[in-house]
Amino acid sequence: MILKYIRDLSWGVVIIVCLTLGLAPFNPPHLVEKLIMLSNAELQAPLDWFDLLLHGSPWVLLIVKVVLLLLDRSKSSQGKQ
């Protein structure tokens, strides 16, 4: 059910959410800071984990949408053969 909802989401909406919420604040992007903190094992405060989830979820959504698109295309091309 959730995959159908993701498939039905407009590409424009997903891209706008990635460019706004996924990159905010813009200098430097909060997500980059949180990923650096995660790689240095400095991500300890609950607010830091919330920020990582908040700013990372649009990008996860975009990746899932791209994977679903590729899977749908491969299924449709296999069906034509």
N, C-alpha and C. Protein backbone atom coordinates (compact mmCIF):
# COMPACT_ATOMS: atom_id res chain seq x y z
N MET A 1 0.82 -1.19 0.00
CA MET A 1 0.00 0.00 0.00
C MET A 1 0.87 1.26 0.00
N ILE A 2 1.90 1.29 0.85
CA ILE A 2 2.76 2.47 0.90
C ILE A 2 3.52 2.63 -0.41
N LEU A 3 3.87 1.51 -1.06
CA LEU A 3 4.58 1.60 -2.33
C LEU A 3 3.70 2.21 -3.41
N LYS A 4 2.40 1.92 -3.38
CA LYS A 4 1.48 2.53 -4.34
C LYS A 4 1.42 4.03 -4.12
N TYR A 5 1.39 4.44 -2.86
CA TYR A 5 1.37 5.86 -2.53
C TYR A 5 2.64 6.55 -3.04
N ILE A 6 3.78 5.90 -2.85
CA ILE A 6 5.05 6.47 -3.31
C ILE A 6 5.06 6.55 -4.84
N ARG A 7 4.56 5.50 -5.50
CA ARG A 7 4.49 5.52 -6.97
C ARG A 7 3.61 6.67 -7.46
N ASP A 8 2.54 6.96 -6.75
CA ASP A 8 1.59 7.99 -7.17
C ASP A 8 2.06 9.41 -6.85
N LEU A 9 3.08 9.56 -6.01
CA LEU A 9 3.58 10.90 -5.70
C LEU A 9 4.17 11.54 -6.95
N SER A 10 3.90 12.80 -7.11
CA SER A 10 4.43 13.56 -8.24
C SER A 10 5.94 13.73 -8.09
N TRP A 11 6.66 13.60 -9.21
CA TRP A 11 8.10 13.80 -9.19
C TRP A 11 8.43 15.23 -8.75
N GLY A 12 7.63 16.18 -9.18
CA GLY A 12 7.88 17.57 -8.81
C GLY A 12 7.83 17.78 -7.30
N VAL A 13 6.85 17.16 -6.66
CA VAL A 13 6.72 17.30 -5.20
C VAL A 13 7.93 16.68 -4.51
N VAL A 14 8.32 15.49 -4.94
CA VAL A 14 9.46 14.81 -4.31
C VAL A 14 10.74 15.63 -4.48
N ILE A 15 10.95 16.18 -5.66
CA ILE A 15 12.17 16.96 -5.91
C ILE A 15 12.15 18.26 -5.12
N ILE A 16 11.00 18.92 -5.05
CA ILE A 16 10.92 20.16 -4.28
C ILE A 16 11.15 19.90 -2.80
N VAL A 17 10.60 18.82 -2.27
CA VAL A 17 10.82 18.48 -0.86
C VAL A 17 12.30 18.18 -0.61
N CYS A 18 12.94 17.48 -1.54
CA CYS A 18 14.38 17.19 -1.38
C CYS A 18 15.20 18.48 -1.40
N LEU A 19 14.86 19.39 -2.29
CA LEU A 19 15.64 20.62 -2.41
C LEU A 19 15.38 21.61 -1.29
N THR A 20 14.22 21.53 -0.65
CA THR A 20 13.93 22.47 0.43
C THR A 20 14.23 21.82 1.79
N LEU A 21 13.42 20.88 2.19
CA LEU A 21 13.60 20.24 3.50
C LEU A 21 14.87 19.41 3.55
N GLY A 22 15.20 18.75 2.46
CA GLY A 22 16.38 17.89 2.44
C GLY A 22 17.69 18.64 2.51
N LEU A 23 17.71 19.88 2.06
CA LEU A 23 18.95 20.65 2.06
C LEU A 23 18.96 21.81 3.06
N ALA A 24 17.83 22.11 3.68
CA ALA A 24 17.77 23.25 4.59
C ALA A 24 18.55 22.98 5.87
N PRO A 25 19.14 23.92 6.52
CA PRO A 25 19.55 25.22 5.98
C PRO A 25 20.61 25.02 4.91
N PHE A 26 20.74 25.96 4.04
CA PHE A 26 21.47 25.73 2.80
C PHE A 26 22.98 25.91 2.87
N ASN A 27 23.49 26.54 3.92
CA ASN A 27 24.93 26.77 3.94
C ASN A 27 25.52 26.42 5.30
N PRO A 28 26.09 25.29 5.51
CA PRO A 28 26.08 24.07 4.71
C PRO A 28 24.79 23.29 4.98
N PRO A 29 24.43 22.39 4.09
CA PRO A 29 23.22 21.59 4.31
C PRO A 29 23.28 20.83 5.64
N HIS A 30 22.20 20.87 6.38
CA HIS A 30 22.12 20.23 7.69
C HIS A 30 22.36 18.73 7.57
N LEU A 31 21.88 18.15 6.50
CA LEU A 31 22.05 16.70 6.31
C LEU A 31 23.53 16.34 6.21
N VAL A 32 24.29 17.15 5.53
CA VAL A 32 25.74 16.89 5.40
C VAL A 32 26.39 16.95 6.78
N GLU A 33 26.03 17.95 7.57
CA GLU A 33 26.58 18.04 8.92
C GLU A 33 26.24 16.81 9.75
N LYS A 34 25.00 16.36 9.65
CA LYS A 34 24.57 15.21 10.45
C LYS A 34 25.24 13.92 9.98
N LEU A 35 25.44 13.78 8.67
CA LEU A 35 26.13 12.59 8.17
C LEU A 35 27.60 12.58 8.60
N ILE A 36 28.23 13.75 8.65
CA ILE A 36 29.60 13.83 9.14
C ILE A 36 29.64 13.48 10.62
N MET A 37 28.67 13.99 11.38
CA MET A 37 28.61 13.64 12.80
C MET A 37 28.39 12.15 12.98
N LEU A 38 27.55 11.54 12.15
CA LEU A 38 27.30 10.11 12.23
C LEU A 38 28.56 9.32 11.93
N SER A 39 29.29 9.73 10.90
CA SER A 39 30.52 9.00 10.55
C SER A 39 31.60 9.15 11.60
N ASN A 40 31.56 10.25 12.37
CA ASN A 40 32.54 10.47 13.45
C ASN A 40 32.03 9.97 14.80
N ALA A 41 30.89 9.30 14.82
CA ALA A 41 30.27 8.78 16.04
C ALA A 41 29.97 9.89 17.04
N GLU A 42 29.61 11.07 16.54
CA GLU A 42 29.28 12.21 17.40
C GLU A 42 27.78 12.48 17.45
N LEU A 43 27.00 11.66 16.80
CA LEU A 43 25.55 11.87 16.74
C LEU A 43 24.92 11.20 17.96
N GLN A 44 24.80 11.96 19.06
CA GLN A 44 24.36 11.35 20.31
C GLN A 44 23.09 11.96 20.86
N ALA A 45 22.88 13.23 20.66
CA ALA A 45 21.70 13.89 21.23
C ALA A 45 20.45 13.49 20.44
N PRO A 46 19.33 13.34 21.12
CA PRO A 46 18.08 12.99 20.42
C PRO A 46 17.72 14.00 19.33
N LEU A 47 18.00 15.27 19.56
CA LEU A 47 17.71 16.28 18.54
C LEU A 47 18.53 16.05 17.28
N ASP A 48 19.76 15.60 17.43
CA ASP A 48 20.60 15.29 16.26
C ASP A 48 20.01 14.14 15.45
N TRP A 49 19.54 13.11 16.14
CA TRP A 49 18.92 11.97 15.43
C TRP A 49 17.63 12.42 14.73
N PHE A 50 16.85 13.26 15.40
CA PHE A 50 15.64 13.79 14.78
C PHE A 50 15.97 14.60 13.53
N ASP A 51 17.00 15.44 13.61
CA ASP A 51 17.43 16.23 12.45
C ASP A 51 17.86 15.33 11.30
N LEU A 52 18.61 14.27 11.61
CA LEU A 52 19.03 13.33 10.57
C LEU A 52 17.82 12.69 9.90
N LEU A 53 16.85 12.27 10.69
CA LEU A 53 15.63 11.68 10.15
C LEU A 53 14.84 12.69 9.33
N LEU A 54 14.70 13.90 9.85
CA LEU A 54 13.91 14.94 9.18
C LEU A 54 14.52 15.34 7.84
N HIS A 55 15.82 15.57 7.82
CA HIS A 55 16.46 16.04 6.59
C HIS A 55 16.86 14.91 5.66
N GLY A 56 16.92 13.69 6.18
CA GLY A 56 17.29 12.55 5.34
C GLY A 56 16.11 11.84 4.70
N SER A 57 14.93 11.94 5.29
CA SER A 57 13.77 11.22 4.78
C SER A 57 13.36 11.62 3.36
N PRO A 58 13.45 12.89 2.95
CA PRO A 58 13.12 13.20 1.55
C PRO A 58 14.04 12.49 0.56
N TRP A 59 15.30 12.36 0.92
CA TRP A 59 16.26 11.70 0.03
C TRP A 59 15.99 10.19 -0.04
N VAL A 60 15.61 9.60 1.10
CA VAL A 60 15.24 8.18 1.10
C VAL A 60 14.00 7.98 0.23
N LEU A 61 13.04 8.89 0.34
CA LEU A 61 11.84 8.82 -0.48
C LEU A 61 12.19 8.90 -1.98
N LEU A 62 13.10 9.80 -2.33
CA LEU A 62 13.53 9.92 -3.72
C LEU A 62 14.20 8.65 -4.21
N ILE A 63 15.06 8.06 -3.40
CA ILE A 63 15.74 6.82 -3.79
C ILE A 63 14.74 5.69 -3.97
N VAL A 64 13.78 5.57 -3.05
CA VAL A 64 12.76 4.52 -3.17
C VAL A 64 11.93 4.73 -4.44
N LYS A 65 11.57 5.97 -4.74
CA LYS A 65 10.78 6.26 -5.94
C LYS A 65 11.56 5.90 -7.21
N VAL A 66 12.85 6.19 -7.25
CA VAL A 66 13.68 5.84 -8.41
C VAL A 66 13.78 4.32 -8.55
N VAL A 67 14.00 3.61 -7.44
CA VAL A 67 14.09 2.15 -7.49
C VAL A 67 12.78 1.55 -7.98
N LEU A 68 11.65 2.05 -7.48
CA LEU A 68 10.35 1.54 -7.94
C LEU A 68 10.15 1.80 -9.42
N LEU A 69 10.57 2.97 -9.90
CA LEU A 69 10.46 3.28 -11.32
C LEU A 69 11.28 2.30 -12.15
N LEU A 70 12.50 2.03 -11.72
CA LEU A 70 13.37 1.10 -12.45
C LEU A 70 12.81 -0.32 -12.43
N LEU A 71 12.27 -0.74 -11.29
CA LEU A 71 11.67 -2.07 -11.21
C LEU A 71 10.44 -2.18 -12.11
N ASP A 72 9.61 -1.13 -12.13
CA ASP A 72 8.42 -1.13 -12.98
C ASP A 72 8.82 -1.19 -14.45
N ARG A 73 9.86 -0.46 -14.81
CA ARG A 73 10.31 -0.46 -16.20
C ARG A 73 10.88 -1.82 -16.60
N SER A 74 11.62 -2.46 -15.69
CA SER A 74 12.19 -3.76 -16.04
C SER A 74 11.08 -4.82 -16.16
N LYS A 75 10.04 -4.71 -15.32
CA LYS A 75 8.92 -5.64 -15.42
C LYS A 75 8.16 -5.44 -16.74
N SER A 76 7.96 -4.18 -17.11
CA SER A 76 7.21 -3.91 -18.34
C SER A 76 8.02 -4.31 -19.58
N SER A 77 9.34 -4.15 -19.53
CA SER A 77 10.16 -4.55 -20.69
C SER A 77 10.24 -6.07 -20.78
N GLN A 78 10.21 -6.79 -19.66
CA GLN A 78 10.21 -8.25 -19.68
C GLN A 78 8.87 -8.77 -20.20
N GLY A 79 7.80 -8.06 -19.92
CA GLY A 79 6.49 -8.47 -20.38
C GLY A 79 6.31 -8.31 -21.87
N LYS A 80 7.06 -7.40 -22.50
CA LYS A 80 6.96 -7.17 -23.94
C LYS A 80 7.70 -8.23 -24.76
N GLN A 81 8.62 -8.94 -24.13
CA GLN A 81 9.42 -9.93 -24.86
C GLN A 81 8.66 -11.20 -25.10
